C-alpha atoms as a PDB file:
ATOM      1  CA  MET A   1     117.519 104.245 106.106  1.00  0.00           C
ATOM      2  CA  MET A   2     114.588 101.867 106.097  1.00  0.00           C
ATOM      3  CA  ASP A   3     111.643 103.720 106.234  1.00  0.00           C
ATOM      4  CA  SER A   4     109.841 102.965 109.516  1.00  0.00           C
ATOM      5  CA  GLU A   5     106.784 101.477 107.529  1.00  0.00           C
ATOM      6  CA  ILE A   6     108.783  98.715 106.555  1.00  0.00           C
ATOM      7  CA  SER A   7     111.299  95.877 107.612  1.00  0.00           C
ATOM      8  CA  ILE A   8     112.494  93.116 106.426  1.00  0.00           C
ATOM      9  CA  MET A   9     111.876  89.606 107.697  1.00  0.00           C
ATOM     10  CA  PHE A  10     114.497  88.171 105.058  1.00  0.00           C
ATOM     11  CA  GLN A  11     116.392  88.933 102.170  1.00  0.00           C
ATOM     12  CA  CYS A  12     117.613  86.631  99.286  1.00  0.00           C
ATOM     13  CA  PRO A  13     121.420  86.621  99.410  1.00  0.00           C
ATOM     14  CA  SER A  14     121.870  86.865  95.746  1.00  0.00           C
ATOM     15  CA  SER A  15     120.863  88.440  92.706  1.00  0.00           C
ATOM     16  CA  GLN A  16     119.835  84.714  91.626  1.00  0.00           C
ATOM     17  CA  GLY A  17     116.732  84.935  94.184  1.00  0.00           C
ATOM     18  CA  LEU A  18     115.228  81.566  95.611  1.00  0.00           C
ATOM     19  CA  THR A  19     112.744  79.219  92.930  1.00  0.00           C
ATOM     20  CA  GLU A  20     109.936  77.544  93.719  1.00  0.00           C
ATOM     21  CA  GLU A  21     112.687  74.256  94.111  1.00  0.00           C
ATOM     22  CA  GLN A  22     114.966  76.095  96.790  1.00  0.00           C
ATOM     23  CA  VAL A  23     111.894  76.867  98.728  1.00  0.00           C
ATOM     24  CA  HIS A  24     110.358  74.180 101.226  1.00  0.00           C
ATOM     25  CA  VAL A  25     107.802  74.580 104.264  1.00  0.00           C
ATOM     26  CA  ASP A  26     107.022  73.251 107.625  1.00  0.00           C
ATOM     27  CA  LEU A  27     103.453  73.045 108.324  1.00  0.00           C
ATOM     28  CA  SER A  28     102.944  72.210 112.399  1.00  0.00           C
ATOM     29  CA  PRO A  29     100.102  73.628 115.091  1.00  0.00           C
ATOM     30  CA  ARG A  30     103.195  74.823 117.098  1.00  0.00           C
ATOM     31  CA  TYR A  31     103.198  77.705 114.253  1.00  0.00           C
ATOM     32  CA  ASN A  32      99.303  78.875 114.696  1.00  0.00           C
ATOM     33  CA  ARG A  33      98.778  81.921 116.446  1.00  0.00           C
ATOM     34  CA  CYS A  34      98.810  81.655 120.815  1.00  0.00           C
ATOM     35  CA  ARG A  35      95.262  82.727 122.038  1.00  0.00           C
ATOM     36  CA  LEU A  36      95.268  85.074 125.043  1.00  0.00           C
ATOM     37  CA  PRO A  37      91.890  84.070 126.766  1.00  0.00           C
ATOM     38  CA  GLN A  38      91.293  87.921 128.065  1.00  0.00           C
ATOM     39  CA  TYR A  39      91.075  88.846 124.522  1.00  0.00           C
ATOM     40  CA  GLU A  40      89.482  85.961 122.528  1.00  0.00           C
ATOM     41  CA  PRO A  41      85.793  87.592 123.217  1.00  0.00           C
ATOM     42  CA  GLN A  42      87.368  91.062 121.783  1.00  0.00           C
ATOM     43  CA  ILE A  43      88.281  89.558 118.352  1.00  0.00           C
ATOM     44  CA  GLU A  44      84.674  88.397 117.445  1.00  0.00           C
ATOM     45  CA  VAL A  45      83.290  92.072 118.669  1.00  0.00           C
ATOM     46  CA  ILE A  46      86.004  94.143 116.281  1.00  0.00           C
ATOM     47  CA  TRP A  47      85.237  91.751 113.675  1.00  0.00           C
ATOM     48  CA  GLN A  48      81.261  92.429 113.816  1.00  0.00           C
ATOM     49  CA  GLN A  49      82.129  96.032 113.970  1.00  0.00           C
ATOM     50  CA  LYS A  50      84.232  96.291 110.987  1.00  0.00           C
ATOM     51  CA  CYS A  51      81.741  94.288 108.953  1.00  0.00           C
ATOM     52  CA  SER A  52      79.354  96.475 110.166  1.00  0.00           C
ATOM     53  CA  GLU A  53      81.750  98.901 107.882  1.00  0.00           C
ATOM     54  CA  LYS A  54      82.332  97.563 105.271  1.00  0.00           C
ATOM     55  CA  PRO A  55      79.936  94.974 104.715  1.00  0.00           C
ATOM     56  CA  TRP A  56      81.760  93.170 101.518  1.00  0.00           C
ATOM     57  CA  LEU A  57      84.361  91.743 104.216  1.00  0.00           C
ATOM     58  CA  PHE A  58      84.413  88.044 104.390  1.00  0.00           C
ATOM     59  CA  ASN A  59      86.194  85.831 106.348  1.00  0.00           C
ATOM     60  CA  GLY A  60      88.618  82.876 105.181  1.00  0.00           C
ATOM     61  CA  SER A  61      91.274  80.506 106.642  1.00  0.00           C
ATOM     62  CA  LYS A  62      95.022  82.180 105.483  1.00  0.00           C
ATOM     63  CA  PHE A  63      98.514  80.693 106.277  1.00  0.00           C
ATOM     64  CA  ARG A  64     100.065  82.434 109.285  1.00  0.00           C
ATOM     65  CA  ILE A  65     104.082  82.866 109.315  1.00  0.00           C
ATOM     66  CA  HIS A  66     105.479  81.683 111.837  1.00  0.00           C
ATOM     67  CA  SER A  67     109.561  81.904 110.963  1.00  0.00           C
ATOM     68  CA  VAL A  68     111.687  81.258 108.259  1.00  0.00           C
ATOM     69  CA  SER A  69     115.581  80.169 108.028  1.00  0.00           C
ATOM     70  CA  LEU A  70     118.033  79.657 105.080  1.00  0.00           C
ATOM     71  CA  GLU A  71     119.692  76.751 105.054  1.00  0.00           C
ATOM     72  CA  ARG A  72     122.385  75.312 102.326  1.00  0.00           C
ATOM     73  CA  GLY A  73     120.480  77.552  99.719  1.00  0.00           C
ATOM     74  CA  ILE A  74     116.868  75.925 100.903  1.00  0.00           C
ATOM     75  CA  LEU A  75     114.444  78.627 102.531  1.00  0.00           C
ATOM     76  CA  TYR A  76     112.267  76.682 105.405  1.00  0.00           C
ATOM     77  CA  ILE A  77     109.046  78.860 105.885  1.00  0.00           C
ATOM     78  CA  ARG A  78     107.534  77.722 109.642  1.00  0.00           C
ATOM     79  CA  LEU A  79     103.684  78.119 108.245  1.00  0.00           C
ATOM     80  CA  GLY A  80     100.458  77.746 110.689  1.00  0.00           C
ATOM     81  CA  LEU A  81      96.807  78.557 110.011  1.00  0.00           C
ATOM     82  CA  THR A  82      95.036  81.706 110.887  1.00  0.00           C
ATOM     83  CA  CYS A  83      92.181  83.594 109.321  1.00  0.00           C
ATOM     84  CA  TYR A  84      91.137  86.994 107.850  1.00  0.00           C
ATOM     85  CA  ARG A  85      88.778  88.200 111.032  1.00  0.00           C
ATOM     86  CA  ASP A  86      91.666  87.081 113.188  1.00  0.00           C
ATOM     87  CA  PHE A  87      94.101  89.467 111.336  1.00  0.00           C
ATOM     88  CA  ILE A  88      91.701  92.495 111.357  1.00  0.00           C
ATOM     89  CA  ALA A  89      91.059  92.155 115.195  1.00  0.00           C
ATOM     90  CA  THR A  90      94.834  91.833 115.625  1.00  0.00           C
ATOM     91  CA  ASN A  91      97.352  92.845 113.485  1.00  0.00           C
ATOM     92  CA  TRP A  92      95.021  95.580 112.310  1.00  0.00           C
ATOM     93  CA  ALA A  93      93.616  96.065 115.868  1.00  0.00           C
ATOM     94  CA  LEU A  94      94.398  99.317 118.056  1.00  0.00           C
ATOM     95  CA  GLU A  95      95.459  96.943 120.824  1.00  0.00           C
ATOM     96  CA  ALA A  96      97.990  95.195 118.472  1.00  0.00           C
ATOM     97  CA  PRO A  97     100.827  97.370 120.196  1.00  0.00           C
ATOM     98  CA  SER A  98     100.047  95.549 123.797  1.00  0.00           C
ATOM     99  CA  LEU A  99      99.258  92.199 121.877  1.00  0.00           C
ATOM    100  CA  GLN A 100     103.033  92.511 121.037  1.00  0.00           C
ATOM    101  CA  GLN A 101     103.978  93.714 124.770  1.00  0.00           C
ATOM    102  CA  GLN A 102     102.204  90.964 125.842  1.00  0.00           C
ATOM    103  CA  GLY A 103     103.685  88.680 124.077  1.00  0.00           C
ATOM    104  CA  LEU A 104     106.911  89.472 124.383  1.00  0.00           C
ATOM    105  CA  LYS A 105     106.959  89.013 128.273  1.00  0.00           C
ATOM    106  CA  ASP A 106     104.586  86.405 128.000  1.00  0.00           C
ATOM    107  CA  LEU A 107     106.167  84.159 125.581  1.00  0.00           C
ATOM    108  CA  GLY A 108     109.456  86.168 124.531  1.00  0.00           C
ATOM    109  CA  ASN A 109     107.914  86.830 121.168  1.00  0.00           C
ATOM    110  CA  SER A 110     106.096  89.936 120.075  1.00  0.00           C
ATOM    111  CA  GLN A 111     104.232  88.184 116.992  1.00  0.00           C
ATOM    112  CA  ALA A 112     103.171  85.013 118.884  1.00  0.00           C
ATOM    113  CA  TYR A 113      98.901  86.687 120.115  1.00  0.00           C
ATOM    114  CA  LEU A 114      98.665  88.153 116.415  1.00  0.00           C
ATOM    115  CA  ALA A 115      97.219  86.190 113.735  1.00  0.00           C
ATOM    116  CA  GLU A 116     100.351  87.325 111.177  1.00  0.00           C
ATOM    117  CA  PRO A 117      98.689  86.090 107.941  1.00  0.00           C
ATOM    118  CA  LEU A 118     101.363  85.418 104.813  1.00  0.00           C
ATOM    119  CA  GLY A 119     100.837  87.656 101.929  1.00  0.00           C
ATOM    120  CA  VAL A 120     102.353  87.508  98.327  1.00  0.00           C
ATOM    121  CA  GLY A 121     103.451  90.299  95.869  1.00  0.00           C
ATOM    122  CA  ALA A 122     104.472  91.005  92.774  1.00  0.00           C
ATOM    123  CA  MET A 123     107.227  93.611  90.890  1.00  0.00           C
ATOM    124  CA  LEU A 124     106.115  92.882  87.712  1.00  0.00           C
ATOM    125  CA  HIS A 125     108.562  93.683  85.174  1.00  0.00           C
ATOM    126  CA  THR A 126     107.803  94.329  81.590  1.00  0.00           C
ATOM    127  CA  ILE A 127     109.586  93.375  78.289  1.00  0.00           C
ATOM    128  CA  ASP A 128     110.035  97.061  77.731  1.00  0.00           C
ATOM    129  CA  ASP A 129     111.796  97.401  81.529  1.00  0.00           C
ATOM    130  CA  LYS A 130     108.555  98.725  83.320  1.00  0.00           C
ATOM    131  CA  PHE A 131     107.138  97.848  86.316  1.00  0.00           C
ATOM    132  CA  VAL A 132     103.710  97.905  87.358  1.00  0.00           C
ATOM    133  CA  PHE A 133     101.771  99.569  89.862  1.00  0.00           C
ATOM    134  CA  LEU A 134      97.875 100.106  90.658  1.00  0.00           C
ATOM    135  CA  ARG A 135      95.697 102.609  92.286  1.00  0.00           C
ATOM    136  CA  ARG A 136      93.681 101.045  95.341  1.00  0.00           C
ATOM    137  CA  SER A 137      90.196 101.306  95.271  1.00  0.00           C
ATOM    138  CA  GLN A 138      88.606 103.320  97.733  1.00  0.00           C
ATOM    139  CA  GLN A 139      86.734 100.236  98.667  1.00  0.00           C
ATOM    140  CA  VAL A 140      89.302  97.580  99.941  1.00  0.00           C
ATOM    141  CA  GLY A 141      89.752  96.996 103.685  1.00  0.00           C
ATOM    142  CA  GLU A 142      93.319  97.888 103.458  1.00  0.00           C
ATOM    143  CA  ALA A 143      95.637 101.258 102.068  1.00  0.00           C
ATOM    144  CA  PRO A 144      92.459 102.582 100.271  1.00  0.00           C
ATOM    145  CA  GLY A 145      93.377 104.522  97.594  1.00  0.00           C
ATOM    146  CA  GLN A 146      96.992 103.795  97.709  1.00  0.00           C
ATOM    147  CA  ILE A 147      99.380 102.733  95.405  1.00  0.00           C
ATOM    148  CA  ASP A 148     100.586  99.285  95.336  1.00  0.00           C
ATOM    149  CA  ILE A 149     101.918  96.276  93.519  1.00  0.00           C
ATOM    150  CA  PRO A 150      99.888  93.447  92.565  1.00  0.00           C
ATOM    151  CA  GLY A 151      99.255  90.804  95.570  1.00  0.00           C
ATOM    152  CA  GLY A 152      96.836  88.969  97.920  1.00  0.00           C
ATOM    153  CA  HIS A 153      97.041  85.966  99.922  1.00  0.00           C
ATOM    154  CA  PRO A 154      98.254  82.246  99.377  1.00  0.00           C
ATOM    155  CA  GLU A 155      95.018  80.163  99.789  1.00  0.00           C
ATOM    156  CA  PRO A 156      95.073  77.085 101.813  1.00  0.00           C
ATOM    157  CA  LYS A 157      91.367  76.614  99.761  1.00  0.00           C
ATOM    158  CA  ALA A 158      93.411  76.128  96.968  1.00  0.00           C
ATOM    159  CA  VAL A 159      95.137  73.144  98.719  1.00  0.00           C
ATOM    160  CA  ALA A 160      92.451  71.501 100.245  1.00  0.00           C
ATOM    161  CA  GLN A 161      90.231  71.479  97.188  1.00  0.00           C
ATOM    162  CA  GLY A 162      86.454  69.937  98.639  1.00  0.00           C
ATOM    163  CA  ILE A 163      87.081  70.946 101.908  1.00  0.00           C
ATOM    164  CA  PRO A 164      84.711  73.542 103.543  1.00  0.00           C
ATOM    165  CA  GLU A 165      87.300  76.443 103.868  1.00  0.00           C
ATOM    166  CA  GLU A 166      86.053  76.670 107.676  1.00  0.00           C
ATOM    167  CA  ALA A 167      86.678  73.626 108.267  1.00  0.00           C
ATOM    168  CA  ILE A 168      90.432  72.898 106.914  1.00  0.00           C
ATOM    169  CA  HIS A 169      93.080  71.737 109.291  1.00  0.00           C
ATOM    170  CA  LEU A 170      96.681  71.387 108.662  1.00  0.00           C
ATOM    171  CA  GLU A 171      96.457  67.265 108.858  1.00  0.00           C
ATOM    172  CA  HIS A 172      94.447  68.424 105.506  1.00  0.00           C
ATOM    173  CA  LEU A 173      97.653  70.392 103.720  1.00  0.00           C
ATOM    174  CA  SER A 174     100.466  68.739 101.068  1.00  0.00           C
ATOM    175  CA  GLN A 175     103.574  71.126 101.770  1.00  0.00           C
ATOM    176  CA  ASP A 176     104.795  70.163  98.224  1.00  0.00           C
ATOM    177  CA  LEU A 177     101.478  71.704  98.052  1.00  0.00           C
ATOM    178  CA  VAL A 178     101.826  74.956  99.520  1.00  0.00           C
ATOM    179  CA  VAL A 179     104.682  75.634  98.315  1.00  0.00           C
ATOM    180  CA  LYS A 180     102.882  75.251  94.838  1.00  0.00           C
ATOM    181  CA  GLU A 181      99.930  77.733  95.662  1.00  0.00           C
ATOM    182  CA  LEU A 182     102.391  79.952  97.565  1.00  0.00           C
ATOM    183  CA  PHE A 183     104.333  80.733  94.006  1.00  0.00           C
ATOM    184  CA  PHE A 184     101.130  79.868  91.888  1.00  0.00           C
ATOM    185  CA  SER A 185      99.229  82.451  94.523  1.00  0.00           C
ATOM    186  CA  VAL A 186     101.094  85.656  93.475  1.00  0.00           C
ATOM    187  CA  MET A 187     100.628  84.505  89.778  1.00  0.00           C
ATOM    188  CA  ALA A 188      96.826  84.690  89.990  1.00  0.00           C
ATOM    189  CA  GLU A 189      96.390  87.541  91.685  1.00  0.00           C
ATOM    190  CA  ILE A 190      98.194  89.373  88.451  1.00  0.00           C
ATOM    191  CA  ARG A 191      95.899  87.671  86.416  1.00  0.00           C
ATOM    192  CA  ASP A 192      93.146  88.809  88.329  1.00  0.00           C
ATOM    193  CA  GLU A 193      93.909  91.864  89.186  1.00  0.00           C
ATOM    194  CA  VAL A 194      95.379  93.335  86.029  1.00  0.00           C
ATOM    195  CA  ASN A 195      93.860  91.025  83.551  1.00  0.00           C
ATOM    196  CA  ILE A 196      97.417  89.212  82.514  1.00  0.00           C
ATOM    197  CA  PRO A 197      96.364  85.699  80.915  1.00  0.00           C
ATOM    198  CA  LEU A 198      99.402  83.341  82.662  1.00  0.00           C
ATOM    199  CA  ASN A 199     100.833  82.386  79.636  1.00  0.00           C
ATOM    200  CA  PHE A 200     102.105  85.597  79.151  1.00  0.00           C
ATOM    201  CA  LEU A 201     104.004  85.088  82.696  1.00  0.00           C
ATOM    202  CA  LYS A 202     107.624  84.007  83.711  1.00  0.00           C
ATOM    203  CA  LYS A 203     108.312  81.588  86.597  1.00  0.00           C
ATOM    204  CA  PRO A 204     108.507  83.450  90.252  1.00  0.00           C
ATOM    205  CA  ILE A 205     111.481  84.275  91.932  1.00  0.00           C
ATOM    206  CA  LEU A 206     111.164  85.136  95.376  1.00  0.00           C
ATOM    207  CA  MET A 207     113.371  88.099  96.286  1.00  0.00           C
ATOM    208  CA  GLY A 208     112.249  88.319 100.211  1.00  0.00           C
ATOM    209  CA  ILE A 209     109.891  88.762 102.712  1.00  0.00           C
ATOM    210  CA  ALA A 210     109.067  92.129 104.396  1.00  0.00           C
ATOM    211  CA  ARG A 211     106.961  93.002 107.290  1.00  0.00           C
ATOM    212  CA  ASN A 212     104.149  96.087 107.285  1.00  0.00           C
ATOM    213  CA  ASN A 213     105.066  97.957 110.377  1.00  0.00           C
ATOM    214  CA  THR A 214     101.474  99.627 110.052  1.00  0.00           C
ATOM    215  CA  SER A 215      99.545  96.580 110.610  1.00  0.00           C
ATOM    216  CA  ALA A 216     102.070  95.154 113.574  1.00  0.00           C
ATOM    217  CA  GLY A 217     104.749  93.030 111.389  1.00  0.00           C
ATOM    218  CA  ARG A 218     102.391  91.622 108.726  1.00  0.00           C
ATOM    219  CA  ALA A 219     104.486  89.698 106.217  1.00  0.00           C
ATOM    220  CA  SER A 220     104.556  89.137 102.844  1.00  0.00           C
ATOM    221  CA  ALA A 221     106.698  87.342 100.077  1.00  0.00           C
ATOM    222  CA  GLU A 222     107.488  89.308  97.485  1.00  0.00           C
ATOM    223  CA  PHE A 223     108.492  87.943  94.069  1.00  0.00           C
ATOM    224  CA  TYR A 224     110.339  89.053  90.526  1.00  0.00           C
ATOM    225  CA  ILE A 225     108.278  88.407  87.840  1.00  0.00           C
ATOM    226  CA  ARG A 226     108.864  88.790  84.127  1.00  0.00           C
ATOM    227  CA  CYS A 227     105.939  89.423  81.829  1.00  0.00           C
ATOM    228  CA  ALA A 228     106.587  89.261  78.124  1.00  0.00           C
ATOM    229  CA  LEU A 229     104.194  91.853  77.100  1.00  0.00           C
ATOM    230  CA  THR A 230     105.018  95.604  76.684  1.00  0.00           C
ATOM    231  CA  ALA A 231     103.212  98.280  78.880  1.00  0.00           C
ATOM    232  CA  GLU A 232     101.119  99.405  76.329  1.00  0.00           C
ATOM    233  CA  GLU A 233     100.252  95.846  76.073  1.00  0.00           C
ATOM    234  CA  VAL A 234      99.616  95.627  79.625  1.00  0.00           C
ATOM    235  CA  ASN A 235      97.674  98.390  79.786  1.00  0.00           C
ATOM    236  CA  ARG A 236      95.076  97.198  76.859  1.00  0.00           C
ATOM    237  CA  PHE A 237      94.475  94.152  79.350  1.00  0.00           C
ATOM    238  CA  TYR A 238      94.127  96.101  82.842  1.00  0.00           C
ATOM    239  CA  TRP A 239      91.647  98.232  80.616  1.00  0.00           C
ATOM    240  CA  GLU A 240      89.177  95.411  79.821  1.00  0.00           C
ATOM    241  CA  GLY A 241      89.261  94.624  83.157  1.00  0.00           C
ATOM    242  CA  GLY A 242      89.722  91.224  85.202  1.00  0.00           C
ATOM    243  CA  PRO A 243      88.034  89.137  87.612  1.00  0.00           C
ATOM    244  CA  GLU A 244      89.345  91.948  90.495  1.00  0.00           C
ATOM    245  CA  ALA A 245      89.255  94.835  88.783  1.00  0.00           C
ATOM    246  CA  GLN A 246      86.864  96.574  91.141  1.00  0.00           C
ATOM    247  CA  GLU A 247      89.788  96.975  93.850  1.00  0.00           C
ATOM    248  CA  SER A 248      91.893  99.130  91.712  1.00  0.00           C
ATOM    249  CA  THR A 249      90.973 102.374  89.493  1.00  0.00           C
ATOM    250  CA  ASN A 250      94.144 102.820  87.723  1.00  0.00           C
ATOM    251  CA  ILE A 251      97.523 101.213  86.219  1.00  0.00           C
ATOM    252  CA  ILE A 252     101.038 103.187  86.504  1.00  0.00           C
ATOM    253  CA  PHE A 253     104.240 102.292  84.697  1.00  0.00           C
ATOM    254  CA  LEU A 254     107.307 102.957  86.060  1.00  0.00           C
ATOM    255  CA  LYS A 255     110.767 102.347  84.441  1.00  0.00           C
ATOM    256  CA  ARG A 256     113.433 100.185  86.622  1.00  0.00           C
ATOM    257  CA  GLU A 257     115.635 103.537  86.783  1.00  0.00           C
ATOM    258  CA  ALA A 258     112.559 105.531  88.934  1.00  0.00           C
ATOM    259  CA  ILE A 259     112.458 101.876  90.704  1.00  0.00           C
ATOM    260  CA  LEU A 260     116.254 102.445  92.075  1.00  0.00           C
ATOM    261  CA  ARG A 261     115.556 106.148  92.923  1.00  0.00           C
ATOM    262  CA  LEU A 262     111.821 105.521  94.250  1.00  0.00           C
ATOM    263  CA  GLU A 263     112.299 106.029  97.568  1.00  0.00           C
ATOM    264  CA  ASN A 264     113.381 109.429  97.102  1.00  0.00           C
ATOM    265  CA  THR A 265     110.908 110.798  95.176  1.00  0.00           C
ATOM    266  CA  PRO A 266     107.353 112.251  96.410  1.00  0.00           C
ATOM    267  CA  MET A 267     105.711 109.141  94.735  1.00  0.00           C
ATOM    268  CA  TRP A 268     106.938 106.958  97.665  1.00  0.00           C
ATOM    269  CA  SER A 269     104.812 108.611 100.603  1.00  0.00           C
ATOM    270  CA  GLU A 270     101.794 107.318  98.137  1.00  0.00           C
ATOM    271  CA  LEU A 271     103.330 103.533  98.229  1.00  0.00           C
ATOM    272  CA  CYS A 272     101.199 101.558 100.796  1.00  0.00           C
ATOM    273  CA  PRO A 273     103.477  99.449 102.514  1.00  0.00           C
ATOM    274  CA  SER A 274     103.279  95.881 100.830  1.00  0.00           C
ATOM    275  CA  ALA A 275     104.251  98.332  98.101  1.00  0.00           C
ATOM    276  CA  LYS A 276     107.088  99.748  99.985  1.00  0.00           C
ATOM    277  CA  GLY A 277     108.477  96.456 100.950  1.00  0.00           C
ATOM    278  CA  ALA A 278     108.727  94.687  97.494  1.00  0.00           C
ATOM    279  CA  VAL A 279     110.390  98.140  96.195  1.00  0.00           C
ATOM    280  CA  LYS A 280     112.785  97.655  98.536  1.00  0.00           C
ATOM    281  CA  LEU A 281     113.543  94.328  98.703  1.00  0.00           C
ATOM    282  CA  TYR A 282     114.171  94.828  94.528  1.00  0.00           C
ATOM    283  CA  ASN A 283     116.496  97.190  95.150  1.00  0.00           C
ATOM    284  CA  LEU A 284     118.528  95.308  97.437  1.00  0.00           C
ATOM    285  CA  VAL A 285     118.482  92.052  95.835  1.00  0.00           C
ATOM    286  CA  GLN A 286     117.985  93.639  91.874  1.00  0.00           C
ATOM    287  CA  PRO A 287     117.101  90.093  90.986  1.00  0.00           C
ATOM    288  CA  SER A 288     118.218  89.585  87.370  1.00  0.00           C
ATOM    289  CA  PRO A 289     115.795  88.620  84.580  1.00  0.00           C
ATOM    290  CA  ARG A 290     115.681  85.101  83.535  1.00  0.00           C
ATOM    291  CA  ASP A 291     114.629  84.726  80.009  1.00  0.00           C
END
């Protein structure tokens, strides 16, 4: 039985997962959010209200996921551009269900009027067979106080270096560099949130893409990453504090056996949907460590 908070958009068909070389992206303005004229003014109203409630929020360019397909062992991800403001004011808005209904009615696509920024997350596996989770701070914009995995977003600004973020357009982006950013961004999030140096991390393996149904189906690419450290060593790095240490208040380690039965424990209800999606994909794919 699938938890109602999540759904699987794509699952890798084998325990080998997918490497960076097996993922391609197609960039096109056709994959941007469709604008609904009568709703556009409301986006700025919602954003200003959220910023007044949480002054630390800031807007930024994001990749918008449209669809994926697996063809002859290659995963094609179709991406446009969106922004964090539009995400808050569409996927997270009270109006999200009506936007989805309108999308189905107008375009046969429930997600057409939503921002749909692509996230990334990591099932981080230590050499002593433990997985890393973080207790989110009360100050974060999403899922405050819940248990999560290291993660965030791939950033268009990392690909279009030297261009002001608000001026980034698809023609500034190289498809190959976007794939590299997708795989590197999840490692960068581990570095910044857990404070683990990159040289201790193996190459990410894509397990699949999960949707967060509490934010109208927002998608996140979930990776398996092997770490060349013990849980004790990871713990020590974490408490030294990294660049994004303020985003979490504690680190939690679970053995692999506990991950396999996590859905049937009280802790499952403490996981935010992004972590649930990653755990679900791990249990479905069960990626093999590549040392």
